[in-house]
Amino acid sequence: MFSTTAYEGKLSCTVLRGGKGSNAFFLPDYASCERVFQPKLDGQPIVILSNNDGCVIARSNEAKLLQVAMGAPYFKIERYVKQEGIAVFSSNYALYGDLSNRVMQVLSGFAPQIEVYSIDECFLDFTGLNQDLTAYAGQICQTVKQWTGIPISIGIAPTKTLAKLANRLAKKGYSAHGP
């Protein structure tokens, strides 16, 4: 069984019940990092390009709706991007790393153990927490957004693999009753 909670239409978490322990998996995105310093971009489509602006490495949900493909060579989509008013950014790994560190620091206050998996992924061990994990994840999402400006998705499940799957569902806005 799983359930989803959404906050402000952006922050979401999915809880898959079962097992002794629970693992939470979070995922921000590079487009959100750009929006922290340019709030006017909220709601606008954004793409992030690889080193030397070769290809698309990250897309906002709005850019995904415009069917901008991950990995698309920029020179092939440049005209379309300009036509659709998509904001384009060169990758800024120093910024993403700094904001990732800030998010990880906030998250570390919510669980006894945290395992940083990559710049934009980590696992929180909720083993032994006797509370409503859906509400707790919502609280985590709200706190991270308030303290860092970064919206995150959280998937909670008895294993890391299922937590990652739950996060994917949360990011897409799924619940036990469908989207």
Protein backbone atom coordinates (compact mmCIF):
# COMPACT_ATOMS: atom_id res chain seq x y z
CA MET A 1 0.00 0.00 0.00
CA PHE A 2 1.22 3.50 -0.71
CA SER A 3 -0.07 7.00 -0.24
CA THR A 4 1.01 10.40 -1.46
CA THR A 5 0.83 13.83 0.05
CA ALA A 6 1.34 17.01 -1.97
CA TYR A 7 2.24 20.48 -0.71
CA GLU A 8 2.00 23.63 -2.85
CA GLY A 9 1.67 21.39 -5.90
CA LYS A 10 5.43 20.79 -5.87
CA LEU A 11 6.45 19.03 -2.69
CA SER A 12 5.40 15.43 -2.58
CA CYS A 13 6.14 12.21 -0.82
CA THR A 14 5.06 8.64 -1.31
CA VAL A 15 5.03 6.05 1.48
CA LEU A 16 5.17 2.34 0.70
CA ARG A 17 4.23 0.46 3.88
CA GLY A 18 5.81 -2.73 5.11
CA GLY A 19 8.97 -4.17 6.60
CA LYS A 20 10.74 -3.41 9.88
CA GLY A 21 12.63 -0.29 8.85
CA SER A 22 11.87 2.47 6.45
CA ASN A 23 14.14 4.31 4.07
CA ALA A 24 13.42 7.72 2.60
CA PHE A 25 14.85 8.85 -0.70
CA PHE A 26 14.84 12.48 -1.80
CA LEU A 27 15.52 14.14 -5.10
CA PRO A 28 15.73 17.84 -5.96
CA ASP A 29 16.52 19.01 -9.47
CA TYR A 30 18.98 21.44 -11.03
CA ALA A 31 16.19 23.63 -12.45
CA SER A 32 14.98 24.24 -8.88
CA CYS A 33 18.48 25.39 -7.95
CA GLU A 34 18.34 28.02 -10.68
CA ARG A 35 14.92 29.17 -9.44
CA VAL A 36 16.24 29.80 -5.92
CA PHE A 37 18.15 32.83 -7.20
CA GLN A 38 15.70 33.77 -9.96
CA PRO A 39 12.16 33.35 -8.58
CA LYS A 40 10.73 34.92 -11.76
CA LEU A 41 11.47 31.54 -13.38
CA ASP A 42 8.88 29.80 -11.20
CA GLY A 43 6.44 28.07 -13.54
CA GLN A 44 8.58 28.66 -16.63
CA PRO A 45 10.20 25.84 -18.60
CA ILE A 46 13.93 25.49 -17.90
CA VAL A 47 16.67 23.33 -19.39
CA ILE A 48 20.18 22.87 -18.06
CA LEU A 49 22.95 22.12 -20.53
CA SER A 50 26.04 19.97 -20.09
CA ASN A 51 29.58 21.29 -19.92
CA ASN A 52 30.28 23.37 -23.02
CA ASP A 53 26.50 23.60 -23.56
CA GLY A 54 26.45 20.41 -25.61
CA CYS A 55 23.21 18.72 -24.58
CA VAL A 56 20.30 18.84 -22.16
CA ILE A 57 21.17 17.26 -18.80
CA ALA A 58 18.20 18.48 -16.74
CA ARG A 59 14.69 19.76 -17.44
CA SER A 60 11.99 21.34 -15.37
CA ASN A 61 8.57 19.71 -15.40
CA GLU A 62 7.40 22.51 -17.67
CA ALA A 63 10.16 21.69 -20.19
CA LYS A 64 9.23 18.01 -19.98
CA LEU A 65 5.63 18.93 -20.88
CA LEU A 66 7.02 20.67 -23.97
CA GLN A 67 8.70 17.35 -24.79
CA VAL A 68 12.28 18.56 -24.58
CA ALA A 69 14.24 15.30 -24.59
CA MET A 70 16.90 14.50 -22.02
CA GLY A 71 20.27 14.38 -23.75
CA ALA A 72 19.05 16.37 -26.76
CA PRO A 73 21.91 18.20 -28.47
CA TYR A 74 21.31 21.89 -27.95
CA PHE A 75 22.13 22.85 -31.52
CA LYS A 76 19.24 20.63 -32.68
CA ILE A 77 16.65 22.16 -30.34
CA GLU A 78 17.90 25.75 -30.11
CA ARG A 79 15.24 27.15 -32.45
CA TYR A 80 12.45 25.29 -30.65
CA VAL A 81 13.74 26.39 -27.24
CA LYS A 82 13.69 30.06 -28.30
CA GLN A 83 10.27 29.68 -29.95
CA GLU A 84 8.77 28.22 -26.75
CA GLY A 85 10.48 30.71 -24.42
CA ILE A 86 12.39 28.03 -22.54
CA ALA A 87 15.03 29.41 -20.17
CA VAL A 88 18.44 27.86 -20.87
CA PHE A 89 21.30 27.62 -18.37
CA SER A 90 24.82 26.28 -18.56
CA SER A 91 25.41 23.75 -15.81
CA ASN A 92 26.68 25.30 -12.59
CA TYR A 93 27.96 22.41 -10.51
CA ALA A 94 29.39 24.70 -7.81
CA LEU A 95 25.89 26.10 -7.22
CA TYR A 96 24.25 22.66 -7.33
CA GLY A 97 26.86 21.23 -4.96
CA ASP A 98 26.42 24.09 -2.49
CA LEU A 99 22.63 23.81 -2.49
CA SER A 100 22.88 20.02 -2.25
CA ASN A 101 25.07 20.38 0.85
CA ARG A 102 22.52 22.75 2.38
CA VAL A 103 19.66 20.34 1.68
CA MET A 104 21.65 17.39 3.08
CA GLN A 105 22.40 19.38 6.23
CA VAL A 106 18.70 20.11 6.76
CA LEU A 107 17.75 16.49 6.05
CA SER A 108 20.32 15.19 8.55
CA GLY A 109 18.24 16.72 11.33
CA PHE A 110 15.26 14.50 10.51
CA ALA A 111 16.74 11.00 10.75
CA PRO A 112 19.28 9.18 12.90
CA GLN A 113 21.25 8.15 9.80
CA ILE A 114 21.69 9.68 6.36
CA GLU A 115 23.47 8.10 3.41
CA VAL A 116 24.40 10.57 0.68
CA TYR A 117 24.04 8.68 -2.59
CA SER A 118 24.91 11.46 -5.04
CA ILE A 119 24.69 15.24 -5.43
CA ASP A 120 20.90 15.02 -5.71
CA GLU A 121 20.02 11.82 -3.88
CA CYS A 122 20.24 10.48 -0.35
CA PHE A 123 18.64 7.90 1.89
CA LEU A 124 17.33 8.65 5.37
CA ASP A 125 16.92 5.75 7.78
CA PHE A 126 13.61 6.08 9.63
CA THR A 127 13.99 2.79 11.49
CA GLY A 128 12.45 3.10 14.94
CA LEU A 129 10.49 6.28 14.27
CA ASN A 130 6.99 5.65 15.57
CA GLN A 131 4.98 8.30 13.80
CA ASP A 132 2.96 8.89 10.66
CA LEU A 133 5.69 8.86 8.03
CA THR A 134 3.50 10.55 5.41
CA ALA A 135 2.98 13.55 7.68
CA TYR A 136 6.63 13.48 8.73
CA ALA A 137 7.78 13.48 5.10
CA GLY A 138 5.47 16.41 4.45
CA GLN A 139 7.07 18.26 7.34
CA ILE A 140 10.52 17.48 5.91
CA CYS A 141 9.51 18.76 2.47
CA GLN A 142 8.12 21.98 3.91
CA THR A 143 11.18 22.59 6.08
CA VAL A 144 13.64 21.98 3.23
CA LYS A 145 11.67 24.30 0.94
CA GLN A 146 11.47 27.00 3.63
CA TRP A 147 15.12 26.81 4.67
CA THR A 148 16.77 26.29 1.27
CA GLY A 149 14.22 27.27 -1.38
CA ILE A 150 14.52 23.81 -2.95
CA PRO A 151 11.39 21.69 -3.43
CA ILE A 152 12.06 17.98 -2.94
CA SER A 153 10.22 14.71 -3.41
CA ILE A 154 10.41 11.97 -0.83
CA GLY A 155 9.67 8.27 -1.26
CA ILE A 156 9.47 6.11 1.84
CA ALA A 157 9.62 2.32 1.76
CA PRO A 158 11.09 -0.67 3.59
CA THR A 159 14.05 -0.95 1.17
CA LYS A 160 16.22 1.55 -0.66
CA THR A 161 15.12 0.22 -4.03
CA LEU A 162 11.44 0.62 -3.17
CA ALA A 163 12.11 4.05 -1.64
CA LYS A 164 13.65 5.14 -4.94
CA LEU A 165 10.60 3.81 -6.78
CA ALA A 166 8.28 5.56 -4.31
CA ASN A 167 10.16 8.80 -4.92
CA ARG A 168 9.66 8.44 -8.64
CA LEU A 169 5.92 8.00 -8.07
CA ALA A 170 5.84 10.97 -5.69
CA LYS A 171 7.60 13.18 -8.20
CA LYS A 172 4.98 12.28 -10.79
CA GLY A 173 2.17 12.97 -8.32
CA TYR A 174 0.87 9.41 -8.01
CA SER A 175 -1.06 8.05 -5.05
CA ALA A 176 -2.80 4.76 -4.25
CA HIS A 177 -5.77 6.07 -6.23
CA GLY A 178 -3.88 7.15 -9.35
CA PRO A 179 -2.46 10.51 -10.44
